[in-house]
N, C-alpha and C. Protein backbone atom coordinates (compact mmCIF):
# COMPACT_ATOMS: atom_id res chain seq x y z
N MET A 1 2.22 -12.74 16.28
CA MET A 1 1.28 -12.99 17.09
C MET A 1 -0.02 -13.84 16.24
N VAL A 2 -0.20 -13.44 14.77
CA VAL A 2 -1.21 -13.91 14.37
C VAL A 2 -1.26 -15.41 14.10
N LEU A 3 0.28 -15.45 13.33
CA LEU A 3 0.20 -17.18 13.49
C LEU A 3 0.13 -18.15 14.70
N LEU A 4 1.42 -17.33 15.67
CA LEU A 4 0.69 -18.21 16.60
C LEU A 4 -0.75 -18.47 17.24
N ALA A 5 -1.35 -17.17 16.58
CA ALA A 5 -3.04 -17.73 17.39
C ALA A 5 -3.68 -18.72 16.62
N SER A 6 -3.18 -18.58 15.43
CA SER A 6 -3.81 -19.39 14.12
C SER A 6 -3.28 -21.02 14.44
N LYS A 7 -2.41 -20.89 15.28
CA LYS A 7 -2.24 -22.99 15.63
C LYS A 7 -2.40 -23.06 17.16
N GLN A 8 -3.31 -22.56 17.44
CA GLN A 8 -3.45 -22.71 19.12
C GLN A 8 -2.45 -22.59 20.36
N ARG A 9 -1.40 -21.99 19.64
CA ARG A 9 0.08 -21.87 20.56
C ARG A 9 -0.20 -20.40 21.55
N ILE A 10 -0.76 -19.76 21.45
CA ILE A 10 -0.99 -18.60 22.99
C ILE A 10 -2.51 -18.92 22.96
N THR A 11 -2.46 -18.27 24.04
CA THR A 11 -4.20 -17.88 24.68
C THR A 11 -4.13 -16.81 25.06
N HIS A 12 -3.04 -15.61 25.26
CA HIS A 12 -3.42 -14.21 25.30
C HIS A 12 -1.96 -13.77 24.37
N ALA A 13 -2.18 -12.09 24.92
CA ALA A 13 -1.12 -11.26 24.00
C ALA A 13 -1.19 -9.70 24.69
N ALA A 14 0.24 -9.51 24.57
CA ALA A 14 0.16 -8.49 25.65
C ALA A 14 0.91 -7.65 24.60
N ILE A 15 0.17 -6.30 24.42
CA ILE A 15 0.46 -5.50 23.00
C ILE A 15 1.10 -3.98 23.61
N VAL A 16 1.96 -3.85 23.21
CA VAL A 16 2.61 -2.28 24.12
C VAL A 16 2.77 -1.46 22.60
N THR A 17 1.73 -0.67 22.30
CA THR A 17 1.70 0.42 21.71
C THR A 17 0.96 1.37 21.58
N GLY A 18 0.82 2.54 20.84
CA GLY A 18 -0.44 3.29 21.10
C GLY A 18 -1.37 3.91 19.39
N ASP A 19 -0.39 3.00 18.32
CA ASP A 19 -1.32 3.70 17.34
C ASP A 19 -1.66 2.24 16.67
N SER A 20 -2.53 2.60 15.39
CA SER A 20 -3.48 1.72 15.24
C SER A 20 -2.77 0.83 14.40
N ASP A 21 -1.82 0.65 13.58
CA ASP A 21 -1.41 -0.38 13.05
C ASP A 21 -1.43 -1.82 13.55
N PHE A 22 -2.01 -2.39 15.01
CA PHE A 22 -1.82 -3.57 15.10
C PHE A 22 -3.18 -4.17 15.13
N LEU A 23 -3.82 -3.18 14.64
CA LEU A 23 -5.45 -3.64 14.83
C LEU A 23 -6.01 -4.75 13.48
N PRO A 24 -5.62 -5.13 12.25
CA PRO A 24 -5.71 -6.09 11.53
C PRO A 24 -5.23 -7.06 12.40
N ALA A 25 -3.78 -7.44 13.07
CA ALA A 25 -3.46 -8.59 13.53
C ALA A 25 -4.24 -8.63 15.29
N ILE A 26 -4.94 -7.69 16.10
CA ILE A 26 -5.36 -7.78 16.68
C ILE A 26 -6.60 -8.99 16.74
N ARG A 27 -7.00 -7.86 15.45
CA ARG A 27 -8.46 -8.50 15.34
C ARG A 27 -8.25 -10.08 14.67
N ALA A 28 -7.70 -10.15 14.11
CA ALA A 28 -7.30 -11.60 13.93
C ALA A 28 -7.13 -12.44 14.88
N ALA A 29 -6.17 -12.48 15.74
CA ALA A 29 -5.72 -13.04 17.11
C ALA A 29 -7.06 -13.36 17.60
N LYS A 30 -7.95 -12.31 17.86
CA LYS A 30 -9.28 -12.33 18.93
C LYS A 30 -10.09 -13.25 18.14
N GLN A 31 -10.12 -13.24 16.88
CA GLN A 31 -11.17 -14.44 16.39
C GLN A 31 -10.91 -15.78 16.38
N GLU A 32 -9.53 -15.44 17.17
CA GLU A 32 -8.71 -17.43 17.51
C GLU A 32 -8.86 -17.47 18.83
N GLY A 33 -9.42 -16.56 19.09
CA GLY A 33 -10.07 -16.80 20.87
C GLY A 33 -8.73 -16.16 21.92
N VAL A 34 -7.84 -15.30 20.98
CA VAL A 34 -6.63 -14.85 22.05
C VAL A 34 -7.43 -13.68 22.62
N ILE A 35 -6.74 -13.62 24.26
CA ILE A 35 -7.30 -12.61 24.69
C ILE A 35 -6.11 -11.68 24.70
N THR A 36 -6.56 -10.50 24.51
CA THR A 36 -5.48 -9.06 24.22
C THR A 36 -5.36 -8.44 25.61
N LYS A 37 -4.42 -7.99 25.65
CA LYS A 37 -3.83 -7.01 26.82
C LYS A 37 -3.13 -5.57 26.07
N LEU A 38 -3.36 -5.02 26.42
CA LEU A 38 -2.71 -3.36 25.71
C LEU A 38 -2.04 -2.78 26.55
N TYR A 39 -0.93 -2.98 26.92
CA TYR A 39 0.04 -1.75 28.07
C TYR A 39 0.22 -0.48 26.82
N TYR A 40 -0.16 0.50 28.08
CA TYR A 40 -0.09 1.50 27.26
C TYR A 40 0.58 2.85 28.51
N SER A 41 1.56 3.73 28.13
CA SER A 41 1.84 4.74 28.74
C SER A 41 1.10 6.14 29.03
N GLY A 42 0.95 6.53 30.20
CA GLY A 42 0.12 7.71 30.70
C GLY A 42 0.55 8.50 29.92
N MET A 43 1.90 8.99 28.90
CA MET A 43 1.90 9.95 28.72
C MET A 43 1.43 9.98 26.74
N PHE A 44 1.10 9.34 26.38
CA PHE A 44 0.77 9.07 25.10
C PHE A 44 -0.86 8.45 25.14
N ILE A 45 -1.62 8.78 24.60
CA ILE A 45 -3.09 8.37 24.40
C ILE A 45 -2.87 7.64 23.17
N PRO A 46 -3.68 6.01 23.48
CA PRO A 46 -3.96 4.98 22.32
C PRO A 46 -4.77 5.27 21.46
N HIS A 47 -4.46 4.96 19.99
CA HIS A 47 -5.49 5.53 19.02
C HIS A 47 -6.96 4.78 19.81
N ASP A 48 -7.61 5.28 19.60
CA ASP A 48 -9.30 5.25 19.80
C ASP A 48 -9.81 3.62 19.36
N ASP A 49 -9.57 3.28 17.66
CA ASP A 49 -9.87 2.01 17.61
C ASP A 49 -9.14 0.97 18.53
N LEU A 50 -8.19 1.58 18.37
CA LEU A 50 -7.06 -0.24 19.08
C LEU A 50 -7.29 0.10 20.80
N PHE A 51 -8.02 0.69 22.01
CA PHE A 51 -8.11 1.23 22.55
C PHE A 51 -9.13 0.55 23.06
N SER A 52 -10.34 0.35 22.29
CA SER A 52 -11.66 0.22 22.33
C SER A 52 -11.62 -1.66 21.89
N GLU A 53 -10.63 -1.81 21.34
CA GLU A 53 -10.80 -3.30 20.38
C GLU A 53 -10.20 -4.31 21.28
N VAL A 54 -8.82 -3.73 22.25
CA VAL A 54 -8.41 -5.14 22.61
C VAL A 54 -9.01 -5.49 24.23
N ASP A 55 -8.95 -6.50 24.56
CA ASP A 55 -10.15 -7.24 25.70
C ASP A 55 -9.98 -6.28 27.20
N GLU A 56 -8.29 -6.05 27.26
CA GLU A 56 -7.78 -5.35 28.70
C GLU A 56 -7.17 -4.44 28.35
N ARG A 57 -6.97 -2.99 29.05
CA ARG A 57 -6.26 -1.90 29.34
C ARG A 57 -5.18 -1.91 30.21
N ILE A 58 -3.69 -1.98 30.08
CA ILE A 58 -3.06 -1.54 31.51
C ILE A 58 -2.24 -0.43 31.24
N GLN A 59 -2.69 0.13 32.52
CA GLN A 59 -1.45 1.51 32.36
C GLN A 59 -0.50 1.14 32.52
N ILE A 60 1.02 1.55 32.02
CA ILE A 60 1.96 1.58 32.55
C ILE A 60 2.01 2.53 33.79
N THR A 61 3.00 2.08 34.87
CA THR A 61 2.60 3.27 36.02
C THR A 61 4.44 2.83 36.38
N SER A 62 4.53 3.67 37.77
CA SER A 62 5.97 3.36 37.98
C SER A 62 5.33 2.29 38.96
N ASP A 63 4.14 2.17 39.41
CA ASP A 63 4.08 0.96 40.48
C ASP A 63 4.08 -0.08 40.01
N LEU A 64 3.49 -0.07 38.55
CA LEU A 64 3.20 -1.78 37.72
C LEU A 64 4.60 -1.90 37.55
N ILE A 65 5.70 -0.78 37.35
CA ILE A 65 7.20 -1.30 37.04
C ILE A 65 7.89 -1.98 38.33
N ARG A 66 7.18 -1.71 39.12
CA ARG A 66 8.04 -1.71 40.58
C ARG A 66 7.63 -3.45 40.48
N LYS A 67 6.00 -3.39 40.49
CA LYS A 67 5.96 -4.96 40.86
C LYS A 67 6.29 -5.92 39.59
N ILE A 68 6.83 -5.18 39.01
CA ILE A 68 7.77 -6.42 37.80
C ILE A 68 8.86 -6.94 38.05
N LEU A 69 9.22 -5.86 38.66
CA LEU A 69 10.83 -5.94 38.82
C LEU A 69 11.06 -6.51 40.20
N ARG A 70 9.96 -7.06 41.44
CA ARG A 70 9.79 -7.71 42.15
C ARG A 70 10.12 -9.25 41.87
């Protein structure tokens, strides 16, 4: 993600995680202008810093999965 962001190859990044290990990569990508979206399960609460760092937060629900499968 960081490599692609630094080469202006991406404008958006979708991250599916709940822990803070991705924070350095998210911050670096955002510095390059990438819009970051966190997809997370309602069963697991994402790390507070991760949740606040991303640009958008999308909870994975059965409705979302149905929309994707269409």
